Amino acid sequence: MKKFFSKAGNFIKWMLIVLLAGSILLVLLFRFVPVYVSPLMFIRAYEQVSRGEQIRWHHEWVPLDSISPDLPLAVMSSEDQNYLIHNGFDWDAIKRVIDERESGERFRGGSTISQQTAKNVFLFPTSSSGKLAWVRKGVEAYFTVLMEFMWNKQRIMEVYLNTIEMGDGIYGAQAVAQEHFGCDAKNLTRNQCALIAVTLPNPIKFNSASPSNYMYRRQTWCLRQMKWLGKFPMTPEEQKEMEKEKK
């Protein structure tokens, strides 16, 4: 029995080493290689087939310099205004979410763009609760730390804008530009970028091709935030100035 437990312990140890090394190599690989598919894309395709529908899968990887500079600014304004100055986790936003949950108020997610990218690229999107939810959050945090260490902010944004779900069967900036606005991602206008950004909390419910009055109000708000944030990316001096303004 003692020999059995010793072998089992060695097996588990080597499995953990393999998983750890594999995850690090995968994150390092995606630092340079385009992410052409994501787990979410396969999940959505499976859901469509299970409902007897035709597969809708629109995706085309484009580099960050082939995307309108207004789009990263828009998603920062809508999703993660501290993106350039945090290390992957916005602790102030997390605290607000916890406070809102405890008070029973309606709350929005506290996930940063880095966390969303980690979830989109490295994890299967499944509904979970209890201890399993905490395990998933732990794995998401692990990949977020690896990305923030191995990638720069431009690369994280590039992968995010190429893998995020932006409509029914639509993934990434190039696909949503072509499907909803009949142009390439680099030609998206500032208004269109803001409209896309405000759909991201629920891109199946909110359609940037046929916006509701609520979406137009959110677009107006987003455009104001974009004007305040300024531009993406920022120089180190501009980032320091932004940090001072936040304090």
Protein backbone atom coordinates (compact mmCIF):
# COMPACT_ATOMS: atom_id res chain seq x y z
CA MET A 1 0.00 0.00 0.00
CA LYS A 2 2.83 2.37 0.85
CA LYS A 3 4.39 1.66 -2.55
CA PHE A 4 1.06 2.40 -4.25
CA PHE A 5 0.70 5.79 -2.57
CA SER A 6 4.32 6.62 -3.44
CA LYS A 7 3.69 5.87 -7.12
CA ALA A 8 0.42 7.80 -7.06
CA GLY A 9 2.17 10.76 -5.48
CA ASN A 10 4.90 10.73 -8.12
CA PHE A 11 2.30 10.48 -10.88
CA ILE A 12 0.37 13.47 -9.53
CA LYS A 13 3.59 15.44 -9.11
CA TRP A 14 4.66 14.85 -12.71
CA MET A 15 1.16 15.59 -13.99
CA LEU A 16 1.26 18.95 -12.21
CA ILE A 17 4.70 19.67 -13.65
CA VAL A 18 3.50 18.82 -17.18
CA LEU A 19 0.38 20.97 -16.79
CA LEU A 20 2.39 23.87 -15.41
CA ALA A 21 5.03 23.67 -18.13
CA GLY A 22 2.39 23.21 -20.83
CA SER A 23 0.41 26.25 -19.72
CA ILE A 24 3.53 28.43 -19.65
CA LEU A 25 4.58 27.28 -23.12
CA LEU A 26 1.06 27.87 -24.48
CA VAL A 27 0.94 31.43 -23.16
CA LEU A 28 4.44 32.03 -24.54
CA LEU A 29 3.39 30.63 -27.93
CA PHE A 30 0.35 32.92 -28.14
CA ARG A 31 2.63 35.86 -27.41
CA PHE A 32 3.73 35.55 -31.05
CA VAL A 33 1.21 33.29 -32.86
CA PRO A 34 -2.28 34.52 -33.86
CA VAL A 35 -5.17 32.91 -31.97
CA TYR A 36 -7.31 31.60 -34.81
CA VAL A 37 -9.80 29.65 -32.67
CA SER A 38 -11.01 29.75 -29.09
CA PRO A 39 -12.95 27.35 -26.86
CA LEU A 40 -15.97 29.68 -26.97
CA MET A 41 -16.15 29.40 -30.77
CA PHE A 42 -16.41 25.60 -30.52
CA ILE A 43 -19.00 25.83 -27.74
CA ARG A 44 -21.18 28.20 -29.77
CA ALA A 45 -20.91 25.95 -32.85
CA TYR A 46 -21.94 22.94 -30.77
CA GLU A 47 -24.92 24.85 -29.36
CA GLN A 48 -26.04 25.82 -32.86
CA VAL A 49 -25.80 22.23 -34.12
CA SER A 50 -27.65 20.90 -31.05
CA ARG A 51 -30.51 23.30 -31.85
CA GLY A 52 -30.60 22.08 -35.44
CA GLU A 53 -29.25 25.36 -36.78
CA GLN A 54 -26.61 26.06 -39.39
CA ILE A 55 -23.22 26.87 -37.93
CA ARG A 56 -22.49 30.59 -37.82
CA TRP A 57 -18.77 31.20 -37.43
CA HIS A 58 -17.35 34.50 -38.66
CA HIS A 59 -13.78 35.20 -37.63
CA GLU A 60 -10.66 36.63 -39.23
CA TRP A 61 -7.50 37.48 -37.34
CA VAL A 62 -6.05 40.93 -38.07
CA PRO A 63 -3.08 42.64 -36.36
CA LEU A 64 -3.72 45.51 -33.98
CA ASP A 65 -2.48 48.10 -36.48
CA SER A 66 -5.21 46.93 -38.89
CA ILE A 67 -7.92 47.80 -36.34
CA SER A 68 -9.27 51.31 -35.88
CA PRO A 69 -7.42 52.90 -32.93
CA ASP A 70 -10.82 54.01 -31.65
CA LEU A 71 -11.89 50.41 -30.93
CA PRO A 72 -9.37 49.62 -28.17
CA LEU A 73 -10.16 53.03 -26.70
CA ALA A 74 -13.88 52.25 -26.83
CA VAL A 75 -13.59 48.85 -25.14
CA MET A 76 -11.35 50.35 -22.46
CA SER A 77 -13.94 53.07 -21.87
CA SER A 78 -16.78 50.59 -21.61
CA GLU A 79 -15.15 47.55 -20.03
CA ASP A 80 -11.93 48.47 -18.21
CA GLN A 81 -10.89 52.10 -17.80
CA ASN A 82 -7.87 51.18 -15.65
CA TYR A 83 -6.58 48.69 -18.23
CA LEU A 84 -3.29 50.49 -18.90
CA ILE A 85 -2.38 50.98 -15.26
CA HIS A 86 -3.43 47.75 -13.52
CA ASN A 87 -1.53 44.47 -13.44
CA GLY A 88 -4.42 42.37 -14.70
CA PHE A 89 -6.76 42.88 -11.74
CA ASP A 90 -8.73 46.02 -10.94
CA TRP A 91 -8.98 45.72 -7.17
CA ASP A 92 -11.20 48.81 -6.85
CA ALA A 93 -13.71 47.32 -9.30
CA ILE A 94 -13.60 43.96 -7.51
CA LYS A 95 -14.30 45.68 -4.18
CA ARG A 96 -17.27 47.54 -5.71
CA VAL A 97 -18.70 44.24 -7.03
CA ILE A 98 -18.35 42.62 -3.59
CA ASP A 99 -20.01 45.61 -1.89
CA GLU A 100 -22.88 45.59 -4.41
CA ARG A 101 -23.44 41.86 -3.94
CA GLU A 102 -23.49 42.18 -0.17
CA SER A 103 -25.96 45.08 -0.34
CA GLY A 104 -28.20 43.22 -2.78
CA GLU A 105 -27.79 45.84 -5.48
CA ARG A 106 -27.61 45.11 -9.18
CA PHE A 107 -23.94 44.74 -10.09
CA ARG A 108 -21.81 44.37 -13.17
CA GLY A 109 -18.80 42.09 -13.50
CA GLY A 110 -15.43 43.21 -12.23
CA SER A 111 -13.37 41.29 -14.78
CA THR A 112 -10.67 43.24 -16.58
CA ILE A 113 -9.84 42.97 -20.27
CA SER A 114 -6.86 40.81 -19.26
CA GLN A 115 -9.09 38.44 -17.29
CA GLN A 116 -11.64 38.26 -20.12
CA THR A 117 -8.85 37.45 -22.58
CA ALA A 118 -7.52 34.68 -20.33
CA LYS A 119 -11.03 33.20 -20.05
CA ASN A 120 -11.74 33.46 -23.78
CA VAL A 121 -8.46 31.93 -24.95
CA PHE A 122 -7.55 29.36 -22.30
CA LEU A 123 -10.78 28.22 -20.64
CA PHE A 124 -14.01 26.56 -21.73
CA PRO A 125 -16.97 28.83 -20.93
CA THR A 126 -19.18 26.71 -18.69
CA SER A 127 -21.64 27.75 -16.04
CA SER A 128 -20.36 26.81 -12.61
CA SER A 129 -21.18 27.55 -9.01
CA GLY A 130 -19.86 26.95 -5.55
CA LYS A 131 -16.37 25.51 -5.21
CA LEU A 132 -16.11 24.79 -8.93
CA ALA A 133 -16.64 28.48 -9.71
CA TRP A 134 -13.78 29.39 -7.39
CA VAL A 135 -11.54 26.81 -9.09
CA ARG A 136 -12.33 28.34 -12.48
CA LYS A 137 -11.64 31.82 -11.14
CA GLY A 138 -8.34 30.57 -9.77
CA VAL A 139 -7.29 29.11 -13.12
CA GLU A 140 -8.40 32.33 -14.86
CA ALA A 141 -6.31 34.36 -12.42
CA TYR A 142 -3.31 32.08 -13.04
CA PHE A 143 -3.47 32.64 -16.81
CA THR A 144 -4.05 36.36 -16.27
CA VAL A 145 -0.84 36.61 -14.26
CA LEU A 146 1.08 34.67 -16.93
CA MET A 147 -0.24 36.91 -19.71
CA GLU A 148 0.53 40.12 -17.86
CA PHE A 149 4.07 38.84 -17.24
CA MET A 150 4.79 37.47 -20.75
CA TRP A 151 2.75 39.81 -22.95
CA ASN A 152 2.53 43.58 -23.16
CA LYS A 153 -0.71 45.56 -23.05
CA GLN A 154 -0.79 45.91 -26.84
CA ARG A 155 -0.63 42.13 -27.31
CA ILE A 156 -3.34 41.47 -24.74
CA MET A 157 -5.57 44.04 -26.45
CA GLU A 158 -4.79 42.54 -29.88
CA VAL A 159 -5.80 39.05 -28.76
CA TYR A 160 -8.86 40.39 -26.95
CA LEU A 161 -10.13 42.29 -29.99
CA ASN A 162 -9.61 39.24 -32.19
CA THR A 163 -11.28 36.64 -29.97
CA ILE A 164 -14.07 38.44 -28.10
CA GLU A 165 -17.64 37.52 -29.09
CA MET A 166 -19.21 40.53 -30.82
CA GLY A 167 -22.45 39.07 -32.13
CA ASP A 168 -24.25 35.85 -32.97
CA GLY A 169 -21.47 33.72 -34.47
CA ILE A 170 -19.27 36.81 -34.82
CA TYR A 171 -15.83 36.86 -33.19
CA GLY A 172 -13.38 39.72 -33.33
CA ALA A 173 -13.11 43.20 -34.77
CA GLN A 174 -12.72 42.27 -38.43
CA ALA A 175 -15.75 39.98 -38.46
CA VAL A 176 -18.07 42.47 -36.74
CA ALA A 177 -16.88 45.29 -39.01
CA GLN A 178 -17.63 43.23 -42.11
CA GLU A 179 -20.89 41.64 -40.92
CA HIS A 180 -22.47 44.70 -39.25
CA PHE A 181 -20.93 47.70 -41.00
CA GLY A 182 -19.70 46.44 -44.38
CA CYS A 183 -16.12 47.60 -43.90
CA ASP A 184 -12.76 46.44 -42.58
CA ALA A 185 -11.84 46.86 -38.92
CA LYS A 186 -9.35 49.61 -39.70
CA ASN A 187 -12.14 51.72 -41.25
CA LEU A 188 -14.57 51.61 -38.33
CA THR A 189 -15.68 55.07 -37.28
CA ARG A 190 -15.49 56.37 -33.70
CA ASN A 191 -19.27 56.08 -33.35
CA GLN A 192 -19.27 52.51 -34.65
CA CYS A 193 -16.47 51.55 -32.25
CA ALA A 194 -18.43 52.94 -29.30
CA LEU A 195 -21.53 51.06 -30.45
CA ILE A 196 -19.60 47.78 -30.67
CA ALA A 197 -18.07 48.32 -27.23
CA VAL A 198 -21.41 48.78 -25.46
CA THR A 199 -22.65 45.40 -26.78
CA LEU A 200 -19.84 43.44 -25.13
CA PRO A 201 -21.57 42.68 -21.81
CA ASN A 202 -24.08 40.64 -23.86
CA PRO A 203 -23.33 40.62 -27.63
CA ILE A 204 -26.16 38.15 -28.31
CA LYS A 205 -28.78 40.38 -26.71
CA PHE A 206 -27.33 43.69 -27.93
CA ASN A 207 -26.78 43.97 -31.68
CA SER A 208 -24.53 46.75 -32.98
CA ALA A 209 -26.13 46.40 -36.43
CA SER A 210 -29.58 47.31 -35.07
CA PRO A 211 -29.06 49.32 -31.88
CA SER A 212 -31.86 50.07 -29.45
CA ASN A 213 -32.47 53.44 -27.78
CA TYR A 214 -30.71 52.09 -24.70
CA MET A 215 -27.65 51.25 -26.79
CA TYR A 216 -27.59 54.74 -28.29
CA ARG A 217 -27.63 56.21 -24.78
CA ARG A 218 -24.77 53.93 -23.79
CA GLN A 219 -22.92 54.89 -26.98
CA THR A 220 -23.16 58.57 -26.03
CA TRP A 221 -21.77 57.77 -22.57
CA CYS A 222 -18.96 55.69 -24.09
CA LEU A 223 -17.95 58.48 -26.47
CA ARG A 224 -17.61 60.86 -23.52
CA GLN A 225 -15.40 58.35 -21.71
CA MET A 226 -13.27 57.88 -24.82
CA LYS A 227 -12.67 61.61 -25.00
CA TRP A 228 -11.56 61.60 -21.36
CA LEU A 229 -9.24 58.58 -21.72
CA GLY A 230 -7.48 60.10 -24.73
CA LYS A 231 -5.78 57.37 -26.74
CA PHE A 232 -4.36 53.87 -26.87
CA PRO A 233 -1.56 53.03 -26.38
CA MET A 234 -0.09 55.64 -24.05
CA THR A 235 3.52 56.57 -23.46
CA PRO A 236 4.94 55.72 -19.98
CA GLU A 237 4.73 59.42 -19.09
CA GLU A 238 1.05 59.56 -20.10
CA GLN A 239 0.32 56.43 -18.05
CA LYS A 240 1.96 57.98 -14.98
CA GLU A 241 -0.13 61.10 -15.45
CA MET A 242 -3.28 58.97 -15.71
CA GLU A 243 -2.35 57.15 -12.49
CA LYS A 244 -2.02 60.51 -10.71
CA GLU A 245 -5.45 61.59 -11.92
CA LYS A 246 -6.98 58.34 -10.65
CA LYS A 247 -5.61 58.86 -7.12
